[in-house]
């Protein structure tokens, strides 16, 4: 059962983009017409583009093709085509053939060049790709293209997700308002770098591709690379960021701070939604690490705690087993000084400077761990840097979902 956020609203439309979806039966022909599994995000003008990708060595052909495309012409992208239900990964030489066919089919359908298309696939790894079923249904996605269809895109990229994930922000610079909508998917096989997911973000803010790439890489570390559900990184993880602003004839945005802040808010919200909908997850836990020598050290420590099966099962059992948390801190491989470490669960002090806090009572810790949402605060007292990582618990339902994933 997902740990739902307080609000979840459809993304705002953004100038220069239209979105469409279709039901192709990608995972199974029996699902055709029953759930959306193909999406098109079409830019009406050439866009500036950026991307971040999985670091899994066995990565899908769509990832390789997209990375090459962005290296060659990140200033002339018109379309994202994405499918759910089949990852088109781990299938040998045909993988690249099918990935290129998906690009070519979508390019022809919306009348753009194939080299202006970025693709993404998600779903079962190691299954033949049903390119014919997609080809036969591509026209449905084209016919549904509309500015306000972003929620349909979020629906169409779901796999084991129980709800569509979307977010948007608006910001103002020199009296002009710009918009950033985004959608993502992800529920299992979630761990940096990157977490198993797809994410598509668009904006009308006029920024060049090289600026977008720097910002997206930085923001991804603080969002999509700061979540974990089960410690596994997928073959297909992809996040795209597209800007229509320059293609719309807008002047280059000189003050980029407001854009970066809004982009980070969108990315963090999307990343947190993935954890909230993690397979079998019933708890949403923020792990805030302070007093680190660097942001990278803080993030690595947070990840170590977030991925520990013993810690995550303690979360599931509402058991404030703080000894497991200290164990995970010690297993981080970092230069930790145990005598300096302090630990809190929300406002309940558990450990202070390496010693059990004199006022700590186990029933107070249990009350915190029994909540659907809580925060662990770890202070290393080594420096001034900090980072936050988001994770969930590990339940019997996670095993059930993944034992039955292909059936």
Foldseek 3Di string as FASTA:
>chain_A
DFPDDPDADAFDFFPFKWKFWAFLQFQHNVCHPPFTWKMKIFGNFFWQKAKDWAPPPQAFLLVVLQVVLCVVPNRGATMEIEGENEQLTPAPPCSNVLSLLSLVLLCVLVVHDSSNYRYFYYHDHPDDTPSVSCSVIVNRRVVGIDRRCRLSVQRNHEALFPGRFKDKDWDDDPHDIKIKIKTKYAAPLQAPPFGAMEMEIEMQQAAHNVVVHVLVVVLCCQARNQEDEAHGHDNTYMYMYIYCNVRVVHDHDPPCPRVSVRVSVRRNRRRQSRQSRHQVFQAKEKEKEWQDPAAVLQSLLQRLLQNDQVNQQCLVVLFLPCVVSVVSSVVSPDPADLQCKWKDKAPATQDHSNHGDPPDDRVVSSVSSVDRYIYMYIYRNNHGYMGMHMHGHDDPRNVVCVVPRSD
